């Protein structure tokens, strides 16, 4: 049986909205390509540029780049970000919109990030628009 995942509304390039199912999140990393781009494949060791929205499962949005009006760049696949991003974004195509449901052991674990509103054990859900790589 497929994992229950949030429904995503909003077009790629615009701030998405998540609607959560009445179900518990998967204990595994779930990666769904919502819209496939036609650019280069993201490779480990590259810098990736993204727009994103992050929300805890059945909780509030804790961060998003859309409201700031600027994308962010960071190294991917080398441990510079949470493991769920490294595992879920390497191999995707530039121009894609990807849904990531990341269990706590691939995110911030039992410690969470209280100052960001992320509790220990939280499953995090991201909608990521891959803008480019370098």
C-alpha atoms as a PDB file:
ATOM      1  CA  UNK A   1       0.000   0.000   0.000  1.00  0.00           C
ATOM      2  CA  UNK A   2       1.301   3.450  -0.881  1.00  0.00           C
ATOM      3  CA  UNK A   3       2.128   5.849   1.907  1.00  0.00           C
ATOM      4  CA  UNK A   4      -0.403   8.547   2.736  1.00  0.00           C
ATOM      5  CA  UNK A   5       1.071  11.874   1.641  1.00  0.00           C
ATOM      6  CA  UNK A   6      -0.119  15.458   1.739  1.00  0.00           C
ATOM      7  CA  UNK A   7      -1.855  16.902  -1.281  1.00  0.00           C
ATOM      8  CA  UNK A   8       0.015  19.815  -2.860  1.00  0.00           C
ATOM      9  CA  UNK A   9      -1.775  22.708  -4.528  1.00  0.00           C
ATOM     10  CA  UNK A  10      -0.163  25.563  -6.401  1.00  0.00           C
ATOM     11  CA  UNK A  11       1.790  25.670  -9.638  1.00  0.00           C
ATOM     12  CA  UNK A  12       5.546  25.142  -9.775  1.00  0.00           C
ATOM     13  CA  UNK A  13       7.319  28.432  -9.126  1.00  0.00           C
ATOM     14  CA  UNK A  14       4.572  29.613  -6.764  1.00  0.00           C
ATOM     15  CA  UNK A  15       4.172  29.073  -3.026  1.00  0.00           C
ATOM     16  CA  UNK A  16       2.492  25.685  -2.498  1.00  0.00           C
ATOM     17  CA  UNK A  17      -0.180  24.755   0.029  1.00  0.00           C
ATOM     18  CA  UNK A  18      -0.214  21.365   1.747  1.00  0.00           C
ATOM     19  CA  UNK A  19      -3.346  19.488   2.812  1.00  0.00           C
ATOM     20  CA  UNK A  20      -2.548  16.585   5.137  1.00  0.00           C
ATOM     21  CA  UNK A  21      -4.365  13.243   5.194  1.00  0.00           C
ATOM     22  CA  UNK A  22      -5.844  11.812   8.390  1.00  0.00           C
ATOM     23  CA  UNK A  23      -3.042   9.275   8.594  1.00  0.00           C
ATOM     24  CA  UNK A  24       0.305   8.828  10.250  1.00  0.00           C
ATOM     25  CA  UNK A  25       3.373   9.721   8.212  1.00  0.00           C
ATOM     26  CA  UNK A  26       5.590   7.062   6.691  1.00  0.00           C
ATOM     27  CA  UNK A  27       8.628   5.920   8.667  1.00  0.00           C
ATOM     28  CA  UNK A  28      10.599   6.001   5.398  1.00  0.00           C
ATOM     29  CA  UNK A  29      11.692   8.816   3.110  1.00  0.00           C
ATOM     30  CA  UNK A  30       8.965   9.422   0.526  1.00  0.00           C
ATOM     31  CA  UNK A  31       9.887  11.254  -2.687  1.00  0.00           C
ATOM     32  CA  UNK A  32       7.258  12.214  -5.263  1.00  0.00           C
ATOM     33  CA  UNK A  33       8.055  14.180  -8.411  1.00  0.00           C
ATOM     34  CA  UNK A  34       5.054  16.485  -8.784  1.00  0.00           C
ATOM     35  CA  UNK A  35       6.287  18.115 -11.971  1.00  0.00           C
ATOM     36  CA  UNK A  36       9.321  16.820 -13.884  1.00  0.00           C
ATOM     37  CA  UNK A  37      11.763  19.354 -15.237  1.00  0.00           C
ATOM     38  CA  UNK A  38      13.840  18.933 -18.358  1.00  0.00           C
ATOM     39  CA  UNK A  39      17.174  20.189 -17.043  1.00  0.00           C
ATOM     40  CA  UNK A  40      20.348  18.456 -15.939  1.00  0.00           C
ATOM     41  CA  UNK A  41      20.323  15.756 -13.287  1.00  0.00           C
ATOM     42  CA  UNK A  42      21.328  16.885  -9.794  1.00  0.00           C
ATOM     43  CA  UNK A  43      24.598  15.190  -8.801  1.00  0.00           C
ATOM     44  CA  UNK A  44      26.164  14.799  -5.366  1.00  0.00           C
ATOM     45  CA  UNK A  45      28.807  17.455  -4.764  1.00  0.00           C
ATOM     46  CA  UNK A  46      27.094  20.125  -6.831  1.00  0.00           C
ATOM     47  CA  UNK A  47      25.608  23.319  -5.461  1.00  0.00           C
ATOM     48  CA  UNK A  48      21.835  23.171  -5.882  1.00  0.00           C
ATOM     49  CA  UNK A  49      19.583  26.233  -6.079  1.00  0.00           C
ATOM     50  CA  UNK A  50      16.020  25.763  -4.837  1.00  0.00           C
ATOM     51  CA  UNK A  51      12.822  27.424  -3.756  1.00  0.00           C
ATOM     52  CA  UNK A  52      11.098  25.467  -0.995  1.00  0.00           C
ATOM     53  CA  UNK A  53       8.368  25.310   1.609  1.00  0.00           C
ATOM     54  CA  UNK A  54       8.880  23.270   4.790  1.00  0.00           C
ATOM     55  CA  UNK A  55       6.080  22.183   7.099  1.00  0.00           C
ATOM     56  CA  UNK A  56       5.926  19.665   9.920  1.00  0.00           C
ATOM     57  CA  UNK A  57       3.424  16.812   9.502  1.00  0.00           C
ATOM     58  CA  UNK A  58      -0.013  18.139  10.532  1.00  0.00           C
ATOM     59  CA  UNK A  59       1.779  21.237  11.859  1.00  0.00           C
ATOM     60  CA  UNK A  60       2.642  24.696  10.710  1.00  0.00           C
ATOM     61  CA  UNK A  61       4.978  25.993   8.025  1.00  0.00           C
ATOM     62  CA  UNK A  62       8.361  26.531   9.658  1.00  0.00           C
ATOM     63  CA  UNK A  63      10.239  28.000   6.698  1.00  0.00           C
ATOM     64  CA  UNK A  64       9.815  28.885   3.052  1.00  0.00           C
ATOM     65  CA  UNK A  65      11.802  30.789   0.475  1.00  0.00           C
ATOM     66  CA  UNK A  66       8.785  31.926  -1.522  1.00  0.00           C
ATOM     67  CA  UNK A  67       7.798  34.580   1.032  1.00  0.00           C
ATOM     68  CA  UNK A  68      11.380  35.881   1.078  1.00  0.00           C
ATOM     69  CA  UNK A  69      11.320  36.173  -2.710  1.00  0.00           C
ATOM     70  CA  UNK A  70      14.729  34.571  -3.184  1.00  0.00           C
ATOM     71  CA  UNK A  71      15.943  31.036  -3.711  1.00  0.00           C
ATOM     72  CA  UNK A  72      18.779  29.495  -1.707  1.00  0.00           C
ATOM     73  CA  UNK A  73      21.862  27.541  -2.779  1.00  0.00           C
ATOM     74  CA  UNK A  74      23.809  24.888  -0.880  1.00  0.00           C
ATOM     75  CA  UNK A  75      25.953  21.813  -1.531  1.00  0.00           C
ATOM     76  CA  UNK A  76      23.871  18.667  -2.074  1.00  0.00           C
ATOM     77  CA  UNK A  77      24.720  15.042  -1.416  1.00  0.00           C
ATOM     78  CA  UNK A  78      27.649  15.791   0.900  1.00  0.00           C
ATOM     79  CA  UNK A  79      26.029  16.097   4.341  1.00  0.00           C
ATOM     80  CA  UNK A  80      25.647  19.900   4.360  1.00  0.00           C
ATOM     81  CA  UNK A  81      21.853  19.610   4.798  1.00  0.00           C
ATOM     82  CA  UNK A  82      19.541  17.046   6.409  1.00  0.00           C
ATOM     83  CA  UNK A  83      19.901  13.521   5.031  1.00  0.00           C
ATOM     84  CA  UNK A  84      16.390  13.526   3.571  1.00  0.00           C
ATOM     85  CA  UNK A  85      17.342  16.389   1.233  1.00  0.00           C
ATOM     86  CA  UNK A  86      20.599  14.694   0.193  1.00  0.00           C
ATOM     87  CA  UNK A  87      18.830  11.389  -0.498  1.00  0.00           C
ATOM     88  CA  UNK A  88      15.697  12.866  -2.060  1.00  0.00           C
ATOM     89  CA  UNK A  89      17.141  15.532  -4.360  1.00  0.00           C
ATOM     90  CA  UNK A  90      20.239  13.884  -5.840  1.00  0.00           C
ATOM     91  CA  UNK A  91      19.191  12.366  -9.163  1.00  0.00           C
ATOM     92  CA  UNK A  92      16.258  14.732  -9.740  1.00  0.00           C
ATOM     93  CA  UNK A  93      16.106  17.002 -12.791  1.00  0.00           C
ATOM     94  CA  UNK A  94      16.516  20.771 -12.732  1.00  0.00           C
ATOM     95  CA  UNK A  95      13.114  22.374 -13.218  1.00  0.00           C
ATOM     96  CA  UNK A  96      11.308  19.696 -11.183  1.00  0.00           C
ATOM     97  CA  UNK A  97       8.931  20.243  -8.263  1.00  0.00           C
ATOM     98  CA  UNK A  98       9.475  17.497  -5.707  1.00  0.00           C
ATOM     99  CA  UNK A  99       7.524  16.521  -2.580  1.00  0.00           C
ATOM    100  CA  UNK A 100       9.685  15.121   0.233  1.00  0.00           C
ATOM    101  CA  UNK A 101       8.212  13.503   3.347  1.00  0.00           C
ATOM    102  CA  UNK A 102      11.195  13.105   5.661  1.00  0.00           C
ATOM    103  CA  UNK A 103      10.975  11.030   8.855  1.00  0.00           C
ATOM    104  CA  UNK A 104      12.754  12.473  11.873  1.00  0.00           C
ATOM    105  CA  UNK A 105      15.726  10.080  11.654  1.00  0.00           C
ATOM    106  CA  UNK A 106      16.585  11.678   8.270  1.00  0.00           C
ATOM    107  CA  UNK A 107      15.837  15.202   9.531  1.00  0.00           C
ATOM    108  CA  UNK A 108      16.470  16.589  13.032  1.00  0.00           C
ATOM    109  CA  UNK A 109      15.841  13.439  15.072  1.00  0.00           C
ATOM    110  CA  UNK A 110      14.765  13.534  18.685  1.00  0.00           C
ATOM    111  CA  UNK A 111      16.277  16.968  19.301  1.00  0.00           C
ATOM    112  CA  UNK A 112      14.237  18.855  16.692  1.00  0.00           C
ATOM    113  CA  UNK A 113      14.838  22.563  16.188  1.00  0.00           C
ATOM    114  CA  UNK A 114      12.649  24.199  18.843  1.00  0.00           C
ATOM    115  CA  UNK A 115      13.485  27.769  17.750  1.00  0.00           C
ATOM    116  CA  UNK A 116      12.065  26.911  14.293  1.00  0.00           C
ATOM    117  CA  UNK A 117       8.989  25.196  15.720  1.00  0.00           C
ATOM    118  CA  UNK A 118      10.229  21.690  14.862  1.00  0.00           C
ATOM    119  CA  UNK A 119       9.633  19.251  17.710  1.00  0.00           C
ATOM    120  CA  UNK A 120      11.786  16.196  18.329  1.00  0.00           C
ATOM    121  CA  UNK A 121      10.474  13.265  16.303  1.00  0.00           C
ATOM    122  CA  UNK A 122       8.657  15.462  13.765  1.00  0.00           C
ATOM    123  CA  UNK A 123       8.252  14.231  10.200  1.00  0.00           C
ATOM    124  CA  UNK A 124       9.014  17.138   7.883  1.00  0.00           C
ATOM    125  CA  UNK A 125       7.366  17.743   4.532  1.00  0.00           C
ATOM    126  CA  UNK A 126       9.003  19.897   1.873  1.00  0.00           C
ATOM    127  CA  UNK A 127       7.903  21.027  -1.545  1.00  0.00           C
ATOM    128  CA  UNK A 128      11.094  21.833  -3.440  1.00  0.00           C
ATOM    129  CA  UNK A 129      11.394  23.596  -6.813  1.00  0.00           C
ATOM    130  CA  UNK A 130      14.838  22.811  -8.245  1.00  0.00           C
ATOM    131  CA  UNK A 131      15.962  26.029  -9.939  1.00  0.00           C
ATOM    132  CA  UNK A 132      19.498  25.078 -10.977  1.00  0.00           C
ATOM    133  CA  UNK A 133      22.829  23.415 -10.213  1.00  0.00           C
ATOM    134  CA  UNK A 134      26.441  24.492 -10.529  1.00  0.00           C
END
